[in-house]
Amino acid sequence: QVQLAESGGGLVQAGGSLILSCAASGSIFSINNMGWYRQAPGKQREWVATLTSLGSTVYADSVKVRFTLSSDDAKNTVYLQMNSLKPEDTAVYYCNKAGRWGQGTQVTVSS
């Protein structure tokens, strides 16, 4: 089984930046094929970005240009660089791989 652990969340002012990490452990063949999602209070969980099985990246329109995925295969870790943060980016951010979810990390953007 795959275990995922997110980190890097916090409180930041609008326009600021954060880097989230998702460290994978367990039965990992490739760090690729991992998705990031977020859930704001009172809203459904929504997709944010995906590192595809081929290593390419895909982003939701709401974060395109502002967010960037990268990975470190040696550390089995995927990073989500978040720039120009907006209050509407406030949410708990989760990574997902092979149907498994991490515990999430809170991101709060103040106006």
N, C-alpha and C. Protein backbone atom coordinates (compact mmCIF):
# COMPACT_ATOMS: atom_id res chain seq x y z
N GLN A 1 0.83 -1.20 0.00
CA GLN A 1 0.00 0.00 0.00
C GLN A 1 0.87 1.25 0.00
N VAL A 2 0.24 2.32 -0.47
CA VAL A 2 0.91 3.62 -0.53
C VAL A 2 0.49 4.47 0.65
N GLN A 3 1.45 5.09 1.29
CA GLN A 3 1.16 6.07 2.34
C GLN A 3 1.64 7.44 1.87
N LEU A 4 0.81 8.45 2.14
CA LEU A 4 1.12 9.81 1.70
C LEU A 4 1.12 10.75 2.89
N ALA A 5 2.04 11.70 2.88
CA ALA A 5 2.11 12.67 3.96
C ALA A 5 2.36 14.06 3.39
N GLU A 6 1.37 14.94 3.55
CA GLU A 6 1.51 16.31 3.08
C GLU A 6 2.13 17.18 4.19
N SER A 7 2.83 18.21 3.76
CA SER A 7 3.38 19.19 4.69
C SER A 7 3.59 20.50 3.96
N GLY A 8 3.87 21.54 4.74
CA GLY A 8 4.19 22.83 4.15
C GLY A 8 3.11 23.87 4.19
N GLY A 9 1.94 23.51 4.69
CA GLY A 9 0.87 24.49 4.77
C GLY A 9 1.15 25.53 5.83
N GLY A 10 0.31 26.56 5.85
CA GLY A 10 0.47 27.61 6.83
C GLY A 10 -0.38 28.80 6.51
N LEU A 11 -0.10 29.89 7.22
CA LEU A 11 -0.81 31.15 7.03
C LEU A 11 0.07 32.10 6.23
N VAL A 12 -0.49 32.67 5.18
CA VAL A 12 0.27 33.58 4.33
C VAL A 12 -0.64 34.71 3.87
N GLN A 13 -0.05 35.86 3.64
CA GLN A 13 -0.84 36.99 3.13
C GLN A 13 -1.10 36.83 1.64
N ALA A 14 -2.15 37.45 1.18
CA ALA A 14 -2.46 37.42 -0.25
C ALA A 14 -1.25 37.94 -1.04
N GLY A 15 -0.96 37.25 -2.13
CA GLY A 15 0.20 37.59 -2.94
C GLY A 15 1.44 36.82 -2.55
N GLY A 16 1.39 36.13 -1.44
CA GLY A 16 2.53 35.37 -0.96
C GLY A 16 2.64 34.00 -1.62
N SER A 17 3.61 33.23 -1.12
CA SER A 17 3.90 31.91 -1.70
C SER A 17 4.06 30.86 -0.61
N LEU A 18 3.79 29.65 -0.99
CA LEU A 18 4.02 28.48 -0.13
C LEU A 18 4.45 27.32 -1.02
N ILE A 19 5.19 26.40 -0.43
CA ILE A 19 5.53 25.16 -1.12
C ILE A 19 5.00 24.01 -0.29
N LEU A 20 4.10 23.24 -0.88
CA LEU A 20 3.58 22.05 -0.23
C LEU A 20 4.37 20.84 -0.72
N SER A 21 4.52 19.87 0.18
CA SER A 21 5.19 18.63 -0.17
C SER A 21 4.26 17.46 0.07
N CYS A 22 4.40 16.45 -0.76
CA CYS A 22 3.69 15.19 -0.55
C CYS A 22 4.72 14.08 -0.66
N ALA A 23 5.02 13.47 0.48
CA ALA A 23 6.00 12.39 0.52
C ALA A 23 5.26 11.06 0.49
N ALA A 24 5.67 10.21 -0.44
CA ALA A 24 5.04 8.91 -0.60
C ALA A 24 5.95 7.82 -0.08
N SER A 25 5.36 6.82 0.52
CA SER A 25 6.12 5.67 1.01
C SER A 25 5.28 4.41 0.78
N GLY A 26 5.92 3.27 0.93
CA GLY A 26 5.22 2.01 0.72
C GLY A 26 5.53 1.46 -0.66
N SER A 27 4.51 0.91 -1.29
CA SER A 27 4.69 0.26 -2.59
C SER A 27 4.69 1.30 -3.71
N ILE A 28 5.86 1.94 -3.87
CA ILE A 28 5.99 2.99 -4.87
C ILE A 28 6.84 2.49 -6.03
N PHE A 29 6.28 2.49 -7.21
CA PHE A 29 7.06 2.19 -8.42
C PHE A 29 7.55 3.47 -9.04
N SER A 30 6.69 4.46 -9.04
CA SER A 30 7.04 5.76 -9.61
C SER A 30 6.28 6.83 -8.85
N ILE A 31 6.93 7.95 -8.66
CA ILE A 31 6.28 9.06 -7.98
C ILE A 31 5.28 9.76 -8.90
N ASN A 32 5.34 9.44 -10.18
CA ASN A 32 4.39 10.02 -11.12
C ASN A 32 2.98 9.53 -10.84
N ASN A 33 2.05 10.13 -11.55
CA ASN A 33 0.64 9.78 -11.41
C ASN A 33 0.14 10.13 -10.01
N MET A 34 0.37 11.35 -9.63
CA MET A 34 -0.08 11.85 -8.34
C MET A 34 -0.86 13.15 -8.54
N GLY A 35 -1.93 13.28 -7.79
CA GLY A 35 -2.77 14.46 -7.90
C GLY A 35 -2.82 15.24 -6.61
N TRP A 36 -3.05 16.55 -6.75
CA TRP A 36 -3.31 17.43 -5.62
C TRP A 36 -4.76 17.89 -5.69
N TYR A 37 -5.37 17.95 -4.55
CA TYR A 37 -6.75 18.40 -4.43
C TYR A 37 -6.85 19.36 -3.25
N ARG A 38 -7.94 20.08 -3.18
CA ARG A 38 -8.15 20.94 -2.03
C ARG A 38 -9.63 20.97 -1.68
N GLN A 39 -9.88 21.26 -0.41
CA GLN A 39 -11.25 21.35 0.06
C GLN A 39 -11.37 22.56 0.98
N ALA A 40 -12.15 23.52 0.53
CA ALA A 40 -12.41 24.71 1.32
C ALA A 40 -13.60 24.44 2.24
N PRO A 41 -13.71 25.19 3.34
CA PRO A 41 -14.83 24.98 4.27
C PRO A 41 -16.18 25.08 3.56
N GLY A 42 -17.00 24.08 3.77
CA GLY A 42 -18.34 24.08 3.20
C GLY A 42 -18.41 23.76 1.73
N LYS A 43 -17.27 23.38 1.13
CA LYS A 43 -17.26 23.08 -0.29
C LYS A 43 -16.77 21.66 -0.54
N GLN A 44 -17.05 21.19 -1.74
CA GLN A 44 -16.58 19.87 -2.11
C GLN A 44 -15.08 19.90 -2.43
N ARG A 45 -14.46 18.75 -2.28
CA ARG A 45 -13.05 18.65 -2.64
C ARG A 45 -12.93 18.84 -4.15
N GLU A 46 -11.95 19.65 -4.55
CA GLU A 46 -11.77 19.91 -5.97
C GLU A 46 -10.34 19.59 -6.39
N TRP A 47 -10.22 19.22 -7.64
CA TRP A 47 -8.92 18.88 -8.21
C TRP A 47 -8.12 20.17 -8.45
N VAL A 48 -6.81 20.10 -8.17
CA VAL A 48 -5.93 21.25 -8.36
C VAL A 48 -4.91 21.00 -9.47
N ALA A 49 -4.21 19.87 -9.39
CA ALA A 49 -3.14 19.63 -10.36
C ALA A 49 -2.78 18.16 -10.33
N THR A 50 -2.18 17.70 -11.42
CA THR A 50 -1.76 16.31 -11.54
C THR A 50 -0.40 16.21 -12.18
N LEU A 51 0.44 15.37 -11.59
CA LEU A 51 1.67 14.93 -12.23
C LEU A 51 1.33 13.60 -12.88
N THR A 52 1.27 13.60 -14.20
CA THR A 52 0.76 12.43 -14.90
C THR A 52 1.74 11.27 -14.86
N SER A 53 1.28 10.14 -15.35
CA SER A 53 2.12 8.94 -15.38
C SER A 53 3.33 9.13 -16.30
N LEU A 54 3.21 10.05 -17.24
CA LEU A 54 4.31 10.34 -18.16
C LEU A 54 5.22 11.46 -17.65
N GLY A 55 4.86 12.01 -16.50
CA GLY A 55 5.69 13.07 -15.94
C GLY A 55 5.32 14.46 -16.38
N SER A 56 4.26 14.59 -17.13
CA SER A 56 3.79 15.93 -17.51
C SER A 56 2.89 16.46 -16.41
N THR A 57 2.57 17.74 -16.49
CA THR A 57 1.75 18.37 -15.46
C THR A 57 0.49 18.98 -16.07
N VAL A 58 -0.57 18.90 -15.31
CA VAL A 58 -1.86 19.46 -15.72
C VAL A 58 -2.42 20.22 -14.53
N TYR A 59 -3.02 21.39 -14.82
CA TYR A 59 -3.50 22.26 -13.75
C TYR A 59 -4.94 22.68 -13.98
N ALA A 60 -5.64 22.88 -12.88
CA ALA A 60 -6.97 23.48 -12.97
C ALA A 60 -6.83 24.93 -13.43
N ASP A 61 -7.81 25.42 -14.14
CA ASP A 61 -7.75 26.79 -14.66
C ASP A 61 -7.56 27.80 -13.53
N SER A 62 -8.11 27.52 -12.38
CA SER A 62 -8.06 28.48 -11.28
C SER A 62 -6.66 28.67 -10.71
N VAL A 63 -5.76 27.73 -10.99
CA VAL A 63 -4.40 27.82 -10.43
C VAL A 63 -3.33 27.86 -11.51
N LYS A 64 -3.74 27.71 -12.74
CA LYS A 64 -2.77 27.68 -13.84
C LYS A 64 -1.94 28.95 -13.83
N VAL A 65 -0.69 28.84 -14.08
CA VAL A 65 0.30 29.92 -14.09
C VAL A 65 0.79 30.22 -12.67
N ARG A 66 -0.08 30.14 -11.69
CA ARG A 66 0.32 30.49 -10.32
C ARG A 66 0.94 29.31 -9.57
N PHE A 67 0.48 28.09 -9.87
CA PHE A 67 0.95 26.90 -9.17
C PHE A 67 1.84 26.08 -10.10
N THR A 68 2.85 25.43 -9.53
CA THR A 68 3.76 24.61 -10.32
C THR A 68 4.09 23.32 -9.57
N LEU A 69 3.98 22.21 -10.28
CA LEU A 69 4.35 20.91 -9.73
C LEU A 69 5.79 20.58 -10.09
N SER A 70 6.47 19.92 -9.14
CA SER A 70 7.78 19.35 -9.41
C SER A 70 7.92 18.10 -8.56
N SER A 71 8.96 17.33 -8.83
CA SER A 71 9.12 16.09 -8.09
C SER A 71 10.59 15.78 -7.86
N ASP A 72 10.82 15.00 -6.82
CA ASP A 72 12.15 14.48 -6.51
C ASP A 72 12.00 12.97 -6.40
N ASP A 73 12.39 12.27 -7.45
CA ASP A 73 12.21 10.82 -7.47
C ASP A 73 12.98 10.14 -6.35
N ALA A 74 14.15 10.63 -6.03
CA ALA A 74 14.97 10.01 -4.99
C ALA A 74 14.30 10.09 -3.63
N LYS A 75 13.49 11.12 -3.42
CA LYS A 75 12.79 11.30 -2.15
C LYS A 75 11.34 10.86 -2.22
N ASN A 76 10.91 10.38 -3.39
CA ASN A 76 9.50 10.00 -3.58
C ASN A 76 8.57 11.12 -3.12
N THR A 77 8.91 12.31 -3.52
CA THR A 77 8.17 13.49 -3.06
C THR A 77 7.77 14.35 -4.25
N VAL A 78 6.54 14.84 -4.19
CA VAL A 78 6.04 15.79 -5.17
C VAL A 78 5.79 17.12 -4.45
N TYR A 79 6.17 18.19 -5.11
CA TYR A 79 6.04 19.53 -4.53
C TYR A 79 5.01 20.34 -5.32
N LEU A 80 4.28 21.16 -4.59
CA LEU A 80 3.34 22.08 -5.22
C LEU A 80 3.76 23.49 -4.81
N GLN A 81 4.40 24.19 -5.74
CA GLN A 81 4.81 25.57 -5.52
C GLN A 81 3.61 26.46 -5.80
N MET A 82 3.20 27.24 -4.83
CA MET A 82 2.02 28.08 -4.97
C MET A 82 2.43 29.55 -4.84
N ASN A 83 2.27 30.29 -5.91
CA ASN A 83 2.63 31.71 -5.94
C ASN A 83 1.37 32.56 -6.11
N SER A 84 1.53 33.84 -5.83
CA SER A 84 0.43 34.80 -5.99
C SER A 84 -0.86 34.27 -5.34
N LEU A 85 -0.73 33.82 -4.13
CA LEU A 85 -1.86 33.21 -3.45
C LEU A 85 -2.98 34.21 -3.20
N LYS A 86 -4.20 33.71 -3.28
CA LYS A 86 -5.40 34.50 -3.11
C LYS A 86 -6.20 33.95 -1.94
N PRO A 87 -7.03 34.77 -1.31
CA PRO A 87 -7.86 34.25 -0.21
C PRO A 87 -8.70 33.04 -0.63
N GLU A 88 -9.11 32.99 -1.88
CA GLU A 88 -9.91 31.85 -2.34
C GLU A 88 -9.11 30.58 -2.49
N ASP A 89 -7.80 30.65 -2.30
CA ASP A 89 -6.97 29.44 -2.28
C ASP A 89 -6.98 28.79 -0.91
N THR A 90 -7.59 29.44 0.07
CA THR A 90 -7.66 28.88 1.41
C THR A 90 -8.42 27.56 1.40
N ALA A 91 -7.78 26.52 1.91
CA ALA A 91 -8.36 25.18 1.89
C ALA A 91 -7.40 24.21 2.58
N VAL A 92 -7.89 23.01 2.80
CA VAL A 92 -7.00 21.91 3.16
C VAL A 92 -6.58 21.25 1.86
N TYR A 93 -5.29 21.09 1.70
CA TYR A 93 -4.74 20.53 0.47
C TYR A 93 -4.34 19.07 0.71
N TYR A 94 -4.75 18.22 -0.22
CA TYR A 94 -4.50 16.79 -0.12
C TYR A 94 -3.78 16.30 -1.37
N CYS A 95 -2.93 15.29 -1.20
CA CYS A 95 -2.40 14.60 -2.36
C CYS A 95 -3.05 13.22 -2.43
N ASN A 96 -3.08 12.70 -3.64
CA ASN A 96 -3.73 11.42 -3.91
C ASN A 96 -2.89 10.61 -4.87
N LYS A 97 -2.70 9.35 -4.53
CA LYS A 97 -1.99 8.44 -5.42
C LYS A 97 -2.53 7.05 -5.20
N ALA A 98 -2.81 6.38 -6.27
CA ALA A 98 -3.30 4.99 -6.21
C ALA A 98 -4.52 4.87 -5.30
N GLY A 99 -5.36 5.89 -5.34
CA GLY A 99 -6.56 5.84 -4.54
C GLY A 99 -6.39 6.15 -3.07
N ARG A 100 -5.17 6.47 -2.69
CA ARG A 100 -4.88 6.76 -1.29
C ARG A 100 -4.77 8.27 -1.09
N TRP A 101 -5.19 8.73 0.09
CA TRP A 101 -5.13 10.15 0.44
C TRP A 101 -4.20 10.36 1.63
N GLY A 102 -3.55 11.52 1.63
CA GLY A 102 -2.83 11.91 2.82
C GLY A 102 -3.78 12.55 3.82
N GLN A 103 -3.22 13.05 4.92
CA GLN A 103 -4.04 13.65 5.98
C GLN A 103 -4.40 15.09 5.67
N GLY A 104 -3.73 15.68 4.71
CA GLY A 104 -4.01 17.06 4.32
C GLY A 104 -3.16 18.05 5.08
N THR A 105 -3.00 19.23 4.48
CA THR A 105 -2.27 20.32 5.13
C THR A 105 -3.05 21.61 4.88
N GLN A 106 -3.24 22.39 5.93
CA GLN A 106 -4.06 23.58 5.85
C GLN A 106 -3.29 24.75 5.25
N VAL A 107 -3.91 25.39 4.29
CA VAL A 107 -3.38 26.62 3.71
C VAL A 107 -4.40 27.73 3.96
N THR A 108 -3.98 28.79 4.59
CA THR A 108 -4.85 29.92 4.85
C THR A 108 -4.22 31.18 4.28
N VAL A 109 -4.95 31.85 3.43
CA VAL A 109 -4.47 33.07 2.78
C VAL A 109 -5.30 34.23 3.28
N SER A 110 -4.64 35.17 3.94
CA SER A 110 -5.36 36.32 4.49
C SER A 110 -5.35 37.46 3.48
N SER A 111 -6.41 38.24 3.52
CA SER A 111 -6.54 39.36 2.58
C SER A 111 -5.93 40.64 3.14
